[in-house]
Amino acid sequence: MTIEMLAGIGVGGFIGWWMDKALGTEPIFLLLMLVLGMGAGLMNSVRTVAEMRRKQDRLEAARKSSDAAQDEE
């Protein structure tokens, strides 16, 4: 998860830096893209946590049904 957050910030920062160099608009796009990168990284992290939680819930449900089936025997 940390990698996803850092990747979003890094990519956003690089794109902003490149845009500022190309357009001659020092830190405007760098700051803007850093903020957007943070948002994208946060969204990716939240999405990953939600996916991990769904998988955990499915595993727990499967384990409970398996335990219930063994109790019936």
PDB file of N, CA and C in Angstrom:
ATOM      1  N   MET A   1       0.806  -1.191   0.000  1.00  0.00           N
ATOM      2  CA  MET A   1       0.000   0.000   0.000  1.00  0.00           C
ATOM      3  C   MET A   1       0.855   1.263   0.000  1.00  0.00           C
ATOM      4  N   THR A   2       1.933   1.221   0.711  1.00  0.00           N
ATOM      5  CA  THR A   2       2.812   2.388   0.748  1.00  0.00           C
ATOM      6  C   THR A   2       3.371   2.678  -0.631  1.00  0.00           C
ATOM      7  N   ILE A   3       3.703   1.631  -1.362  1.00  0.00           N
ATOM      8  CA  ILE A   3       4.240   1.794  -2.715  1.00  0.00           C
ATOM      9  C   ILE A   3       3.220   2.499  -3.606  1.00  0.00           C
ATOM     10  N   GLU A   4       1.956   2.120  -3.484  1.00  0.00           N
ATOM     11  CA  GLU A   4       0.923   2.748  -4.310  1.00  0.00           C
ATOM     12  C   GLU A   4       0.821   4.239  -4.020  1.00  0.00           C
ATOM     13  N   MET A   5       0.899   4.595  -2.745  1.00  0.00           N
ATOM     14  CA  MET A   5       0.813   6.009  -2.368  1.00  0.00           C
ATOM     15  C   MET A   5       2.025   6.768  -2.890  1.00  0.00           C
ATOM     16  N   LEU A   6       3.211   6.216  -2.685  1.00  0.00           N
ATOM     17  CA  LEU A   6       4.427   6.884  -3.140  1.00  0.00           C
ATOM     18  C   LEU A   6       4.502   6.960  -4.662  1.00  0.00           C
ATOM     19  N   ALA A   7       4.014   5.921  -5.332  1.00  0.00           N
ATOM     20  CA  ALA A   7       4.034   5.936  -6.797  1.00  0.00           C
ATOM     21  C   ALA A   7       3.146   7.057  -7.338  1.00  0.00           C
ATOM     22  N   GLY A   8       1.970   7.221  -6.757  1.00  0.00           N
ATOM     23  CA  GLY A   8       1.076   8.299  -7.192  1.00  0.00           C
ATOM     24  C   GLY A   8       1.704   9.667  -7.003  1.00  0.00           C
ATOM     25  N   ILE A   9       2.340   9.868  -5.858  1.00  0.00           N
ATOM     26  CA  ILE A   9       2.990  11.149  -5.582  1.00  0.00           C
ATOM     27  C   ILE A   9       4.178  11.353  -6.520  1.00  0.00           C
ATOM     28  N   GLY A  10       4.978  10.298  -6.703  1.00  0.00           N
ATOM     29  CA  GLY A  10       6.162  10.400  -7.561  1.00  0.00           C
ATOM     30  C   GLY A  10       5.810  10.684  -9.010  1.00  0.00           C
ATOM     31  N   VAL A  11       4.840   9.955  -9.522  1.00  0.00           N
ATOM     32  CA  VAL A  11       4.434  10.159 -10.918  1.00  0.00           C
ATOM     33  C   VAL A  11       3.827  11.550 -11.093  1.00  0.00           C
ATOM     34  N   GLY A  12       2.964  11.942 -10.165  1.00  0.00           N
ATOM     35  CA  GLY A  12       2.374  13.277 -10.243  1.00  0.00           C
ATOM     36  C   GLY A  12       3.427  14.367 -10.163  1.00  0.00           C
ATOM     37  N   GLY A  13       4.387  14.199  -9.259  1.00  0.00           N
ATOM     38  CA  GLY A  13       5.463  15.180  -9.128  1.00  0.00           C
ATOM     39  C   GLY A  13       6.311  15.273 -10.375  1.00  0.00           C
ATOM     40  N   PHE A  14       6.627  14.124 -10.961  1.00  0.00           N
ATOM     41  CA  PHE A  14       7.438  14.128 -12.175  1.00  0.00           C
ATOM     42  C   PHE A  14       6.707  14.805 -13.325  1.00  0.00           C
ATOM     43  N   ILE A  15       5.439  14.470 -13.495  1.00  0.00           N
ATOM     44  CA  ILE A  15       4.665  15.092 -14.579  1.00  0.00           C
ATOM     45  C   ILE A  15       4.565  16.601 -14.366  1.00  0.00           C
ATOM     46  N   GLY A  16       4.320  17.021 -13.126  1.00  0.00           N
ATOM     47  CA  GLY A  16       4.244  18.452 -12.830  1.00  0.00           C
ATOM     48  C   GLY A  16       5.564  19.155 -13.073  1.00  0.00           C
ATOM     49  N   TRP A  17       6.660  18.531 -12.668  1.00  0.00           N
ATOM     50  CA  TRP A  17       7.997  19.104 -12.892  1.00  0.00           C
ATOM     51  C   TRP A  17       8.257  19.248 -14.389  1.00  0.00           C
ATOM     52  N   TRP A  18       7.921  18.194 -15.147  1.00  0.00           N
ATOM     53  CA  TRP A  18       8.139  18.216 -16.596  1.00  0.00           C
ATOM     54  C   TRP A  18       7.298  19.318 -17.252  1.00  0.00           C
ATOM     55  N   MET A  19       6.042  19.441 -16.819  1.00  0.00           N
ATOM     56  CA  MET A  19       5.176  20.477 -17.392  1.00  0.00           C
ATOM     57  C   MET A  19       5.702  21.869 -17.069  1.00  0.00           C
ATOM     58  N   ASP A  20       6.175  22.068 -15.836  1.00  0.00           N
ATOM     59  CA  ASP A  20       6.734  23.373 -15.464  1.00  0.00           C
ATOM     60  C   ASP A  20       7.968  23.699 -16.295  1.00  0.00           C
ATOM     61  N   LYS A  21       8.824  22.721 -16.518  1.00  0.00           N
ATOM     62  CA  LYS A  21      10.026  22.951 -17.333  1.00  0.00           C
ATOM     63  C   LYS A  21       9.638  23.282 -18.772  1.00  0.00           C
ATOM     64  N   ALA A  22       8.682  22.546 -19.318  1.00  0.00           N
ATOM     65  CA  ALA A  22       8.278  22.748 -20.706  1.00  0.00           C
ATOM     66  C   ALA A  22       7.573  24.090 -20.906  1.00  0.00           C
ATOM     67  N   LEU A  23       6.789  24.504 -19.923  1.00  0.00           N
ATOM     68  CA  LEU A  23       5.988  25.721 -20.073  1.00  0.00           C
ATOM     69  C   LEU A  23       6.592  26.937 -19.377  1.00  0.00           C
ATOM     70  N   GLY A  24       7.650  26.728 -18.599  1.00  0.00           N
ATOM     71  CA  GLY A  24       8.284  27.829 -17.883  1.00  0.00           C
ATOM     72  C   GLY A  24       7.430  28.381 -16.752  1.00  0.00           C
ATOM     73  N   THR A  25       6.646  27.536 -16.152  1.00  0.00           N
ATOM     74  CA  THR A  25       5.758  27.959 -15.060  1.00  0.00           C
ATOM     75  C   THR A  25       6.177  27.267 -13.772  1.00  0.00           C
ATOM     76  N   GLU A  26       7.295  27.720 -13.216  1.00  0.00           N
ATOM     77  CA  GLU A  26       7.790  27.082 -11.988  1.00  0.00           C
ATOM     78  C   GLU A  26       6.719  27.057 -10.927  1.00  0.00           C
ATOM     79  N   PRO A  27       6.694  26.482  -9.944  1.00  0.00           N
ATOM     80  CA  PRO A  27       6.091  25.380  -9.206  1.00  0.00           C
ATOM     81  C   PRO A  27       4.594  25.157  -9.373  1.00  0.00           C
ATOM     82  N   ILE A  28       3.927  25.872 -10.272  1.00  0.00           N
ATOM     83  CA  ILE A  28       2.465  25.756 -10.365  1.00  0.00           C
ATOM     84  C   ILE A  28       2.036  24.322 -10.665  1.00  0.00           C
ATOM     85  N   PHE A  29       2.504  23.765 -11.770  1.00  0.00           N
ATOM     86  CA  PHE A  29       2.083  22.418 -12.148  1.00  0.00           C
ATOM     87  C   PHE A  29       2.689  21.360 -11.237  1.00  0.00           C
ATOM     88  N   LEU A  30       3.883  21.606 -10.732  1.00  0.00           N
ATOM     89  CA  LEU A  30       4.492  20.658  -9.788  1.00  0.00           C
ATOM     90  C   LEU A  30       3.594  20.504  -8.566  1.00  0.00           C
ATOM     91  N   LEU A  31       3.179  21.616  -7.988  1.00  0.00           N
ATOM     92  CA  LEU A  31       2.320  21.550  -6.803  1.00  0.00           C
ATOM     93  C   LEU A  31       0.960  20.945  -7.125  1.00  0.00           C
ATOM     94  N   LEU A  32       0.390  21.359  -8.248  1.00  0.00           N
ATOM     95  CA  LEU A  32      -0.911  20.832  -8.650  1.00  0.00           C
ATOM     96  C   LEU A  32      -0.860  19.321  -8.857  1.00  0.00           C
ATOM     97  N   MET A  33       0.142  18.873  -9.579  1.00  0.00           N
ATOM     98  CA  MET A  33       0.246  17.444  -9.866  1.00  0.00           C
ATOM     99  C   MET A  33       0.638  16.636  -8.627  1.00  0.00           C
ATOM    100  N   LEU A  34       1.382  17.233  -7.711  1.00  0.00           N
ATOM    101  CA  LEU A  34       1.671  16.543  -6.449  1.00  0.00           C
ATOM    102  C   LEU A  34       0.387  16.302  -5.664  1.00  0.00           C
ATOM    103  N   VAL A  35      -0.468  17.320  -5.616  1.00  0.00           N
ATOM    104  CA  VAL A  35      -1.742  17.166  -4.912  1.00  0.00           C
ATOM    105  C   VAL A  35      -2.604  16.112  -5.601  1.00  0.00           C
ATOM    106  N   LEU A  36      -2.676  16.162  -6.925  1.00  0.00           N
ATOM    107  CA  LEU A  36      -3.446  15.151  -7.656  1.00  0.00           C
ATOM    108  C   LEU A  36      -2.844  13.761  -7.468  1.00  0.00           C
ATOM    109  N   GLY A  37      -1.520  13.679  -7.440  1.00  0.00           N
ATOM    110  CA  GLY A  37      -0.852  12.399  -7.202  1.00  0.00           C
ATOM    111  C   GLY A  37      -1.157  11.847  -5.824  1.00  0.00           C
ATOM    112  N   MET A  38      -1.208  12.736  -4.833  1.00  0.00           N
ATOM    113  CA  MET A  38      -1.575  12.293  -3.479  1.00  0.00           C
ATOM    114  C   MET A  38      -2.999  11.744  -3.462  1.00  0.00           C
ATOM    115  N   GLY A  39      -3.888  12.434  -4.145  1.00  0.00           N
ATOM    116  CA  GLY A  39      -5.270  11.964  -4.220  1.00  0.00           C
ATOM    117  C   GLY A  39      -5.378  10.619  -4.918  1.00  0.00           C
ATOM    118  N   ALA A  40      -4.656  10.468  -6.015  1.00  0.00           N
ATOM    119  CA  ALA A  40      -4.676   9.199  -6.743  1.00  0.00           C
ATOM    120  C   ALA A  40      -4.072   8.085  -5.899  1.00  0.00           C
ATOM    121  N   GLY A  41      -2.978   8.382  -5.216  1.00  0.00           N
ATOM    122  CA  GLY A  41      -2.361   7.383  -4.346  1.00  0.00           C
ATOM    123  C   GLY A  41      -3.283   6.977  -3.214  1.00  0.00           C
ATOM    124  N   LEU A  42      -3.975   7.944  -2.642  1.00  0.00           N
ATOM    125  CA  LEU A  42      -4.917   7.652  -1.567  1.00  0.00           C
ATOM    126  C   LEU A  42      -6.073   6.800  -2.079  1.00  0.00           C
ATOM    127  N   MET A  43      -6.601   7.144  -3.251  1.00  0.00           N
ATOM    128  CA  MET A  43      -7.685   6.347  -3.829  1.00  0.00           C
ATOM    129  C   MET A  43      -7.238   4.917  -4.099  1.00  0.00           C
ATOM    130  N   ASN A  44      -6.032   4.739  -4.624  1.00  0.00           N
ATOM    131  CA  ASN A  44      -5.518   3.394  -4.865  1.00  0.00           C
ATOM    132  C   ASN A  44      -5.365   2.622  -3.565  1.00  0.00           C
ATOM    133  N   SER A  45      -4.896   3.284  -2.526  1.00  0.00           N
ATOM    134  CA  SER A  45      -4.738   2.618  -1.234  1.00  0.00           C
ATOM    135  C   SER A  45      -6.088   2.203  -0.665  1.00  0.00           C
ATOM    136  N   VAL A  46      -7.076   3.087  -0.745  1.00  0.00           N
ATOM    137  CA  VAL A  46      -8.416   2.762  -0.253  1.00  0.00           C
ATOM    138  C   VAL A  46      -8.998   1.605  -1.048  1.00  0.00           C
ATOM    139  N   ARG A  47      -8.812   1.616  -2.352  1.00  0.00           N
ATOM    140  CA  ARG A  47      -9.314   0.536  -3.201  1.00  0.00           C
ATOM    141  C   ARG A  47      -8.657  -0.795  -2.832  1.00  0.00           C
ATOM    142  N   THR A  48      -7.354  -0.771  -2.568  1.00  0.00           N
ATOM    143  CA  THR A  48      -6.636  -1.988  -2.195  1.00  0.00           C
ATOM    144  C   THR A  48      -7.123  -2.518  -0.854  1.00  0.00           C
ATOM    145  N   VAL A  49      -7.324  -1.629   0.106  1.00  0.00           N
ATOM    146  CA  VAL A  49      -7.819  -2.052   1.420  1.00  0.00           C
ATOM    147  C   VAL A  49      -9.212  -2.663   1.293  1.00  0.00           C
ATOM    148  N   ALA A  50     -10.077  -2.065   0.492  1.00  0.00           N
ATOM    149  CA  ALA A  50     -11.427  -2.597   0.294  1.00  0.00           C
ATOM    150  C   ALA A  50     -11.373  -3.978  -0.347  1.00  0.00           C
ATOM    151  N   GLU A  51     -10.496  -4.159  -1.318  1.00  0.00           N
ATOM    152  CA  GLU A  51     -10.357  -5.459  -1.969  1.00  0.00           C
ATOM    153  C   GLU A  51      -9.836  -6.503  -0.988  1.00  0.00           C
ATOM    154  N   MET A  52      -8.859  -6.132  -0.182  1.00  0.00           N
ATOM    155  CA  MET A  52      -8.323  -7.058   0.811  1.00  0.00           C
ATOM    156  C   MET A  52      -9.396  -7.429   1.831  1.00  0.00           C
ATOM    157  N   ARG A  53     -10.212  -6.455   2.200  1.00  0.00           N
ATOM    158  CA  ARG A  53     -11.283  -6.720   3.159  1.00  0.00           C
ATOM    159  C   ARG A  53     -12.319  -7.678   2.577  1.00  0.00           C
ATOM    160  N   ARG A  54     -12.675  -7.497   1.299  1.00  0.00           N
ATOM    161  CA  ARG A  54     -13.630  -8.412   0.656  1.00  0.00           C
ATOM    162  C   ARG A  54     -13.078  -9.830   0.618  1.00  0.00           C
ATOM    163  N   LYS A  55     -11.795  -9.973   0.276  1.00  0.00           N
ATOM    164  CA  LYS A  55     -11.184 -11.302   0.251  1.00  0.00           C
ATOM    165  C   LYS A  55     -11.197 -11.937   1.633  1.00  0.00           C
ATOM    166  N   GLN A  56     -10.883 -11.143   2.657  1.00  0.00           N
ATOM    167  CA  GLN A  56     -10.885 -11.651   4.027  1.00  0.00           C
ATOM    168  C   GLN A  56     -12.286 -12.088   4.440  1.00  0.00           C
ATOM    169  N   ASP A  57     -13.293 -11.310   4.070  1.00  0.00           N
ATOM    170  CA  ASP A  57     -14.675 -11.668   4.395  1.00  0.00           C
ATOM    171  C   ASP A  57     -15.075 -12.969   3.717  1.00  0.00           C
ATOM    172  N   ARG A  58     -14.676 -13.144   2.442  1.00  0.00           N
ATOM    173  CA  ARG A  58     -14.989 -14.393   1.737  1.00  0.00           C
ATOM    174  C   ARG A  58     -14.303 -15.578   2.397  1.00  0.00           C
ATOM    175  N   LEU A  59     -13.043 -15.407   2.799  1.00  0.00           N
ATOM    176  CA  LEU A  59     -12.323 -16.495   3.464  1.00  0.00           C
ATOM    177  C   LEU A  59     -12.971 -16.854   4.797  1.00  0.00           C
ATOM    178  N   GLU A  60     -13.385 -15.861   5.557  1.00  0.00           N
ATOM    179  CA  GLU A  60     -14.041 -16.127   6.834  1.00  0.00           C
ATOM    180  C   GLU A  60     -15.379 -16.823   6.631  1.00  0.00           C
ATOM    181  N   ALA A  61     -16.133 -16.417   5.619  1.00  0.00           N
ATOM    182  CA  ALA A  61     -17.416 -17.059   5.334  1.00  0.00           C
ATOM    183  C   ALA A  61     -17.205 -18.510   4.921  1.00  0.00           C
ATOM    184  N   ALA A  62     -16.189 -18.765   4.106  1.00  0.00           N
ATOM    185  CA  ALA A  62     -15.897 -20.135   3.686  1.00  0.00           C
ATOM    186  C   ALA A  62     -15.468 -20.979   4.882  1.00  0.00           C
ATOM    187  N   ARG A  63     -14.677 -20.397   5.767  1.00  0.00           N
ATOM    188  CA  ARG A  63     -14.231 -21.135   6.945  1.00  0.00           C
ATOM    189  C   ARG A  63     -15.404 -21.442   7.867  1.00  0.00           C
ATOM    190  N   LYS A  64     -16.309 -20.489   8.039  1.00  0.00           N
ATOM    191  CA  LYS A  64     -17.472 -20.717   8.898  1.00  0.00           C
ATOM    192  C   LYS A  64     -18.374 -21.800   8.330  1.00  0.00           C
ATOM    193  N   SER A  65     -18.577 -21.784   7.013  1.00  0.00           N
ATOM    194  CA  SER A  65     -19.425 -22.816   6.410  1.00  0.00           C
ATOM    195  C   SER A  65     -18.751 -24.180   6.495  1.00  0.00           C
ATOM    196  N   SER A  66     -17.442 -24.207   6.382  1.00  0.00           N
ATOM    197  CA  SER A  66     -16.700 -25.462   6.520  1.00  0.00           C
ATOM    198  C   SER A  66     -16.790 -25.978   7.951  1.00  0.00           C
ATOM    199  N   ASP A  67     -16.666 -25.079   8.918  1.00  0.00           N
ATOM    200  CA  ASP A  67     -16.783 -25.471  10.324  1.00  0.00           C
ATOM    201  C   ASP A  67     -18.187 -25.972  10.634  1.00  0.00           C
ATOM    202  N   ALA A  68     -19.206 -25.333  10.068  1.00  0.00           N
ATOM    203  CA  ALA A  68     -20.588 -25.749  10.291  1.00  0.00           C
ATOM    204  C   ALA A  68     -20.833 -27.123   9.685  1.00  0.00           C
ATOM    205  N   ALA A  69     -20.262 -27.388   8.525  1.00  0.00           N
ATOM    206  CA  ALA A  69     -20.428 -28.691   7.880  1.00  0.00           C
ATOM    207  C   ALA A  69     -19.752 -29.779   8.701  1.00  0.00           C
ATOM    208  N   GLN A  70     -18.611 -29.482   9.285  1.00  0.00           N
ATOM    209  CA  GLN A  70     -17.911 -30.468  10.112  1.00  0.00           C
ATOM    210  C   GLN A  70     -18.665 -30.714  11.414  1.00  0.00           C
ATOM    211  N   ASP A  71     -19.316 -29.701  11.958  1.00  0.00           N
ATOM    212  CA  ASP A  71     -20.082 -29.863  13.188  1.00  0.00           C
ATOM    213  C   ASP A  71     -21.292 -30.756  12.970  1.00  0.00           C
ATOM    214  N   GLU A  72     -21.870 -30.728  11.768  1.00  0.00           N
ATOM    215  CA  GLU A  72     -23.040 -31.545  11.464  1.00  0.00           C
ATOM    216  C   GLU A  72     -22.679 -33.012  11.345  1.00  0.00           C
ATOM    217  N   GLU A  73     -21.445 -33.304  11.037  1.00  0.00           N
ATOM    218  CA  GLU A  73     -21.039 -34.710  10.851  1.00  0.00           C
ATOM    219  C   GLU A  73     -20.875 -35.355  12.144  1.00  0.00           C
TER     220      GLU A  73
END
